[in-house]
Amino acid sequence: MVHIGTVVMGASDVARAAAFWKAALTYTEREPGTDDWVVLVPVDGPGVGLSLGRSASPVQEVPRVHLDLYSDTQEAEVERLVALGAERVAWELYPPDADFVVLADTEGKRFCVIDTTHDG
């Protein structure tokens, strides 16, 4: 049997991306990172890790794979993430009564904050 151990994302500035995601997710470095690679893990114990590796690949405007962050306080989380350096994305693909908000991290990678209290 297999399970997801880490999600890997590219970053042009690994240290900047790591600082954002550590604060956003309350993660820490599994071991000291380098300019090219770092693995982040939950501070509170087991969970899926987030690996960041140096990449020159362009960010996808409509990514095929992205992170969904779940919250029962969506707007407060969106504001917290924006204060950490995320940006709101002008997303033209929102369905009516969307339960998600699209943001971009400090590298421009898109991710969503999902409202877990949404009834739609």
N, C-alpha and C. Protein backbone atom coordinates (compact mmCIF):
# COMPACT_ATOMS: atom_id res chain seq x y z
N MET A 1 0.84 -1.18 0.00
CA MET A 1 0.00 0.00 0.00
C MET A 1 0.88 1.24 0.00
N VAL A 2 0.46 2.28 -0.71
CA VAL A 2 1.20 3.53 -0.74
C VAL A 2 0.32 4.65 -0.21
N HIS A 3 0.97 5.76 0.15
CA HIS A 3 0.25 6.95 0.58
C HIS A 3 1.05 8.17 0.16
N ILE A 4 0.43 9.32 0.14
CA ILE A 4 1.13 10.55 -0.23
C ILE A 4 2.00 10.97 0.95
N GLY A 5 3.29 11.10 0.70
CA GLY A 5 4.22 11.53 1.74
C GLY A 5 4.47 13.02 1.68
N THR A 6 4.74 13.52 0.47
CA THR A 6 4.93 14.96 0.28
C THR A 6 4.32 15.38 -1.05
N VAL A 7 3.91 16.61 -1.10
CA VAL A 7 3.53 17.27 -2.33
C VAL A 7 4.74 18.11 -2.72
N VAL A 8 5.18 18.04 -3.97
CA VAL A 8 6.37 18.74 -4.40
C VAL A 8 5.96 19.90 -5.31
N MET A 9 6.50 21.08 -5.00
CA MET A 9 6.23 22.26 -5.82
C MET A 9 7.54 22.92 -6.19
N GLY A 10 7.59 23.47 -7.38
CA GLY A 10 8.75 24.23 -7.82
C GLY A 10 8.71 25.64 -7.28
N ALA A 11 9.89 26.24 -7.16
CA ALA A 11 9.99 27.62 -6.67
C ALA A 11 11.25 28.25 -7.25
N SER A 12 11.13 29.49 -7.67
CA SER A 12 12.33 30.18 -8.14
C SER A 12 13.18 30.65 -6.97
N ASP A 13 12.55 30.91 -5.83
CA ASP A 13 13.24 31.31 -4.61
C ASP A 13 12.77 30.39 -3.49
N VAL A 14 13.51 29.32 -3.27
CA VAL A 14 13.10 28.29 -2.31
C VAL A 14 12.95 28.87 -0.90
N ALA A 15 13.86 29.70 -0.47
CA ALA A 15 13.79 30.26 0.88
C ALA A 15 12.54 31.12 1.07
N ARG A 16 12.22 31.96 0.08
CA ARG A 16 11.02 32.81 0.17
C ARG A 16 9.76 31.95 0.19
N ALA A 17 9.71 30.95 -0.69
CA ALA A 17 8.55 30.06 -0.74
C ALA A 17 8.42 29.29 0.58
N ALA A 18 9.53 28.82 1.11
CA ALA A 18 9.50 28.07 2.37
C ALA A 18 9.00 28.95 3.51
N ALA A 19 9.45 30.19 3.56
CA ALA A 19 9.00 31.10 4.63
C ALA A 19 7.49 31.29 4.55
N PHE A 20 6.96 31.48 3.35
CA PHE A 20 5.51 31.65 3.20
C PHE A 20 4.76 30.40 3.65
N TRP A 21 5.13 29.24 3.12
CA TRP A 21 4.37 28.03 3.42
C TRP A 21 4.55 27.57 4.87
N LYS A 22 5.70 27.81 5.48
CA LYS A 22 5.86 27.50 6.90
C LYS A 22 4.88 28.31 7.73
N ALA A 23 4.76 29.59 7.44
CA ALA A 23 3.82 30.45 8.18
C ALA A 23 2.37 30.12 7.83
N ALA A 24 2.10 29.86 6.57
CA ALA A 24 0.74 29.59 6.13
C ALA A 24 0.18 28.32 6.75
N LEU A 25 1.01 27.28 6.83
CA LEU A 25 0.53 25.96 7.25
C LEU A 25 0.97 25.54 8.65
N THR A 26 1.73 26.36 9.34
CA THR A 26 2.36 26.00 10.61
C THR A 26 3.20 24.74 10.43
N TYR A 27 4.11 24.82 9.46
CA TYR A 27 5.04 23.75 9.14
C TYR A 27 6.44 24.19 9.57
N THR A 28 7.34 23.22 9.59
CA THR A 28 8.74 23.48 9.89
C THR A 28 9.60 22.66 8.93
N GLU A 29 10.87 22.98 8.86
CA GLU A 29 11.78 22.20 8.02
C GLU A 29 12.06 20.86 8.68
N ARG A 30 11.95 19.79 7.89
CA ARG A 30 12.24 18.45 8.40
C ARG A 30 13.70 18.36 8.79
N GLU A 31 14.54 18.95 7.97
CA GLU A 31 15.97 19.10 8.24
C GLU A 31 16.38 20.39 7.54
N PRO A 32 17.53 20.94 7.86
CA PRO A 32 17.91 22.21 7.24
C PRO A 32 17.85 22.13 5.71
N GLY A 33 17.22 23.11 5.11
CA GLY A 33 17.10 23.16 3.66
C GLY A 33 18.33 23.78 3.02
N THR A 34 18.33 23.77 1.70
CA THR A 34 19.39 24.40 0.92
C THR A 34 18.75 25.46 0.02
N ASP A 35 19.55 26.10 -0.78
CA ASP A 35 19.01 27.06 -1.75
C ASP A 35 18.19 26.38 -2.83
N ASP A 36 18.36 25.05 -2.97
CA ASP A 36 17.69 24.30 -4.04
C ASP A 36 16.55 23.40 -3.57
N TRP A 37 16.48 23.09 -2.27
CA TRP A 37 15.52 22.06 -1.84
C TRP A 37 15.24 22.17 -0.35
N VAL A 38 13.98 21.98 0.01
CA VAL A 38 13.61 21.88 1.42
C VAL A 38 12.34 21.03 1.53
N VAL A 39 12.24 20.28 2.60
CA VAL A 39 11.04 19.52 2.89
C VAL A 39 10.42 20.09 4.16
N LEU A 40 9.16 20.50 4.06
CA LEU A 40 8.44 21.05 5.20
C LEU A 40 7.45 20.01 5.71
N VAL A 41 7.30 19.96 7.04
CA VAL A 41 6.40 18.99 7.67
C VAL A 41 5.59 19.72 8.74
N PRO A 42 4.43 19.16 9.11
CA PRO A 42 3.62 19.80 10.15
C PRO A 42 4.36 19.88 11.48
N VAL A 43 4.24 21.02 12.15
CA VAL A 43 4.84 21.21 13.47
C VAL A 43 4.22 20.25 14.47
N ASP A 44 2.93 20.00 14.36
CA ASP A 44 2.18 19.23 15.35
C ASP A 44 2.24 17.72 15.18
N GLY A 45 3.07 17.20 14.29
CA GLY A 45 3.16 15.76 14.16
C GLY A 45 2.91 15.28 12.75
N PRO A 46 2.34 14.07 12.61
CA PRO A 46 2.20 13.46 11.29
C PRO A 46 1.28 14.27 10.37
N GLY A 47 1.55 14.12 9.09
CA GLY A 47 0.75 14.77 8.06
C GLY A 47 1.54 14.81 6.76
N VAL A 48 0.89 15.24 5.72
CA VAL A 48 1.52 15.33 4.41
C VAL A 48 2.55 16.44 4.41
N GLY A 49 3.73 16.14 3.90
CA GLY A 49 4.79 17.13 3.81
C GLY A 49 4.66 17.96 2.54
N LEU A 50 5.39 19.06 2.50
CA LEU A 50 5.44 19.92 1.33
C LEU A 50 6.90 20.14 0.99
N SER A 51 7.31 19.66 -0.18
CA SER A 51 8.69 19.81 -0.62
C SER A 51 8.75 20.94 -1.65
N LEU A 52 9.77 21.77 -1.54
CA LEU A 52 9.97 22.87 -2.46
C LEU A 52 11.33 22.71 -3.11
N GLY A 53 11.34 22.67 -4.43
CA GLY A 53 12.59 22.53 -5.17
C GLY A 53 12.77 23.65 -6.17
N ARG A 54 14.00 24.08 -6.34
CA ARG A 54 14.27 25.17 -7.29
C ARG A 54 13.81 24.75 -8.68
N SER A 55 13.11 25.68 -9.34
CA SER A 55 12.59 25.42 -10.68
C SER A 55 12.53 26.71 -11.47
N ALA A 56 12.83 26.61 -12.74
CA ALA A 56 12.71 27.76 -13.63
C ALA A 56 11.46 27.64 -14.50
N SER A 57 10.66 26.59 -14.28
CA SER A 57 9.44 26.40 -15.06
C SER A 57 8.45 27.53 -14.78
N PRO A 58 7.74 27.98 -15.80
CA PRO A 58 6.76 29.04 -15.57
C PRO A 58 5.57 28.54 -14.77
N VAL A 59 4.98 29.43 -14.01
CA VAL A 59 3.78 29.11 -13.23
C VAL A 59 2.60 28.99 -14.19
N GLN A 60 1.75 27.99 -13.98
CA GLN A 60 0.56 27.81 -14.81
C GLN A 60 -0.57 28.72 -14.33
N GLU A 61 -1.17 29.44 -15.26
CA GLU A 61 -2.28 30.31 -14.90
C GLU A 61 -3.49 29.53 -14.42
N VAL A 62 -3.76 28.41 -15.07
CA VAL A 62 -4.82 27.50 -14.64
C VAL A 62 -4.14 26.16 -14.39
N PRO A 63 -3.63 25.97 -13.16
CA PRO A 63 -2.82 24.78 -12.88
C PRO A 63 -3.63 23.49 -12.93
N ARG A 64 -2.99 22.46 -13.39
CA ARG A 64 -3.63 21.14 -13.44
C ARG A 64 -3.68 20.51 -12.06
N VAL A 65 -2.72 20.88 -11.22
CA VAL A 65 -2.66 20.38 -9.84
C VAL A 65 -2.45 21.59 -8.94
N HIS A 66 -3.16 21.63 -7.83
CA HIS A 66 -2.99 22.73 -6.89
C HIS A 66 -3.37 22.26 -5.49
N LEU A 67 -3.07 23.07 -4.49
CA LEU A 67 -3.43 22.76 -3.11
C LEU A 67 -4.80 23.35 -2.79
N ASP A 68 -5.61 22.62 -2.06
CA ASP A 68 -6.84 23.12 -1.45
C ASP A 68 -6.61 23.16 0.05
N LEU A 69 -6.72 24.34 0.63
CA LEU A 69 -6.59 24.50 2.07
C LEU A 69 -8.00 24.63 2.65
N TYR A 70 -8.35 23.80 3.60
CA TYR A 70 -9.69 23.79 4.18
C TYR A 70 -9.74 24.66 5.42
N SER A 71 -10.84 25.41 5.57
CA SER A 71 -11.01 26.26 6.76
C SER A 71 -12.48 26.49 7.04
N ASP A 72 -12.81 26.52 8.33
CA ASP A 72 -14.18 26.89 8.71
C ASP A 72 -14.26 28.39 8.99
N THR A 73 -13.15 29.10 8.79
CA THR A 73 -13.11 30.57 8.89
C THR A 73 -12.42 31.10 7.63
N GLN A 74 -13.02 30.83 6.50
CA GLN A 74 -12.40 31.11 5.20
C GLN A 74 -11.90 32.55 5.05
N GLU A 75 -12.75 33.53 5.28
CA GLU A 75 -12.34 34.91 5.02
C GLU A 75 -11.19 35.33 5.93
N ALA A 76 -11.23 34.90 7.19
CA ALA A 76 -10.12 35.22 8.10
C ALA A 76 -8.82 34.58 7.61
N GLU A 77 -8.90 33.34 7.12
CA GLU A 77 -7.71 32.67 6.61
C GLU A 77 -7.20 33.34 5.35
N VAL A 78 -8.11 33.74 4.47
CA VAL A 78 -7.70 34.45 3.25
C VAL A 78 -6.95 35.72 3.63
N GLU A 79 -7.48 36.48 4.57
CA GLU A 79 -6.82 37.72 4.99
C GLU A 79 -5.47 37.45 5.63
N ARG A 80 -5.36 36.38 6.43
CA ARG A 80 -4.09 36.02 7.06
C ARG A 80 -3.06 35.65 6.00
N LEU A 81 -3.48 34.87 5.01
CA LEU A 81 -2.57 34.45 3.95
C LEU A 81 -2.13 35.63 3.08
N VAL A 82 -3.03 36.55 2.82
CA VAL A 82 -2.68 37.75 2.07
C VAL A 82 -1.67 38.58 2.87
N ALA A 83 -1.85 38.67 4.17
CA ALA A 83 -0.90 39.40 5.01
C ALA A 83 0.49 38.74 5.00
N LEU A 84 0.53 37.43 4.76
CA LEU A 84 1.81 36.71 4.69
C LEU A 84 2.48 36.86 3.32
N GLY A 85 1.76 37.41 2.34
CA GLY A 85 2.35 37.60 1.02
C GLY A 85 1.59 36.99 -0.13
N ALA A 86 0.51 36.26 0.15
CA ALA A 86 -0.31 35.72 -0.94
C ALA A 86 -1.06 36.86 -1.62
N GLU A 87 -1.53 36.61 -2.83
CA GLU A 87 -2.32 37.59 -3.55
C GLU A 87 -3.63 36.97 -4.00
N ARG A 88 -4.69 37.76 -3.95
CA ARG A 88 -5.97 37.31 -4.51
C ARG A 88 -5.83 37.23 -6.02
N VAL A 89 -6.44 36.23 -6.61
CA VAL A 89 -6.39 36.03 -8.05
C VAL A 89 -7.75 36.41 -8.64
N ALA A 90 -7.72 37.20 -9.68
CA ALA A 90 -8.96 37.53 -10.41
C ALA A 90 -9.33 36.29 -11.22
N TRP A 91 -10.14 35.44 -10.64
CA TRP A 91 -10.46 34.13 -11.20
C TRP A 91 -11.78 34.20 -11.94
N GLU A 92 -11.74 34.02 -13.24
CA GLU A 92 -12.95 34.13 -14.06
C GLU A 92 -13.76 32.84 -14.08
N LEU A 93 -13.26 31.79 -13.47
CA LEU A 93 -13.92 30.49 -13.55
C LEU A 93 -14.72 30.13 -12.30
N TYR A 94 -14.98 31.12 -11.43
CA TYR A 94 -15.79 30.84 -10.24
C TYR A 94 -17.19 30.40 -10.65
N PRO A 95 -17.68 29.30 -10.09
CA PRO A 95 -19.08 28.94 -10.33
C PRO A 95 -19.98 29.81 -9.44
N PRO A 96 -21.26 29.84 -9.73
CA PRO A 96 -22.16 30.55 -8.81
C PRO A 96 -22.07 29.91 -7.42
N ASP A 97 -22.11 30.73 -6.39
CA ASP A 97 -22.09 30.25 -5.01
C ASP A 97 -20.84 29.39 -4.72
N ALA A 98 -19.70 29.87 -5.17
CA ALA A 98 -18.43 29.13 -4.97
C ALA A 98 -18.10 29.00 -3.49
N ASP A 99 -17.52 27.87 -3.12
CA ASP A 99 -17.08 27.64 -1.74
C ASP A 99 -15.57 27.84 -1.61
N PHE A 100 -14.92 28.39 -2.63
CA PHE A 100 -13.48 28.55 -2.62
C PHE A 100 -13.07 29.95 -3.07
N VAL A 101 -11.88 30.34 -2.60
CA VAL A 101 -11.25 31.59 -3.02
C VAL A 101 -9.89 31.20 -3.59
N VAL A 102 -9.54 31.73 -4.75
CA VAL A 102 -8.27 31.43 -5.38
C VAL A 102 -7.25 32.49 -4.99
N LEU A 103 -6.11 32.02 -4.49
CA LEU A 103 -4.99 32.89 -4.14
C LEU A 103 -3.75 32.41 -4.90
N ALA A 104 -2.72 33.23 -4.90
CA ALA A 104 -1.41 32.84 -5.44
C ALA A 104 -0.39 33.07 -4.34
N ASP A 105 0.55 32.15 -4.21
CA ASP A 105 1.59 32.30 -3.19
C ASP A 105 2.65 33.30 -3.66
N THR A 106 3.72 33.43 -2.94
CA THR A 106 4.76 34.40 -3.25
C THR A 106 5.48 34.10 -4.57
N GLU A 107 5.29 32.90 -5.08
CA GLU A 107 5.88 32.49 -6.36
C GLU A 107 4.87 32.61 -7.50
N GLY A 108 3.62 32.92 -7.18
CA GLY A 108 2.58 33.00 -8.19
C GLY A 108 1.80 31.71 -8.38
N LYS A 109 2.14 30.66 -7.61
CA LYS A 109 1.41 29.39 -7.73
C LYS A 109 0.02 29.54 -7.12
N ARG A 110 -0.97 29.07 -7.85
CA ARG A 110 -2.36 29.18 -7.43
C ARG A 110 -2.70 28.10 -6.40
N PHE A 111 -3.52 28.47 -5.43
CA PHE A 111 -4.09 27.52 -4.47
C PHE A 111 -5.43 28.06 -4.03
N CYS A 112 -6.23 27.21 -3.42
CA CYS A 112 -7.59 27.60 -3.03
C CYS A 112 -7.75 27.48 -1.51
N VAL A 113 -8.58 28.37 -0.98
CA VAL A 113 -9.00 28.27 0.41
C VAL A 113 -10.49 27.90 0.35
N ILE A 114 -10.80 26.73 0.87
CA ILE A 114 -12.14 26.16 0.79
C ILE A 114 -12.89 26.45 2.09
N ASP A 115 -14.13 26.92 1.96
CA ASP A 115 -15.00 27.17 3.11
C ASP A 115 -15.69 25.86 3.49
N THR A 116 -15.26 25.25 4.59
CA THR A 116 -15.83 23.95 4.97
C THR A 116 -17.22 24.07 5.59
N THR A 117 -17.68 25.31 5.84
CA THR A 117 -19.03 25.48 6.37
C THR A 117 -20.04 25.75 5.27
N HIS A 118 -19.58 25.80 4.03
CA HIS A 118 -20.44 26.13 2.89
C HIS A 118 -21.46 25.03 2.64
N ASP A 119 -22.69 25.42 2.37
CA ASP A 119 -23.75 24.43 2.15
C ASP A 119 -23.96 24.08 0.68
N GLY A 120 -23.31 24.81 -0.24
CA GLY A 120 -23.54 24.60 -1.67
C GLY A 120 -22.89 23.38 -2.17
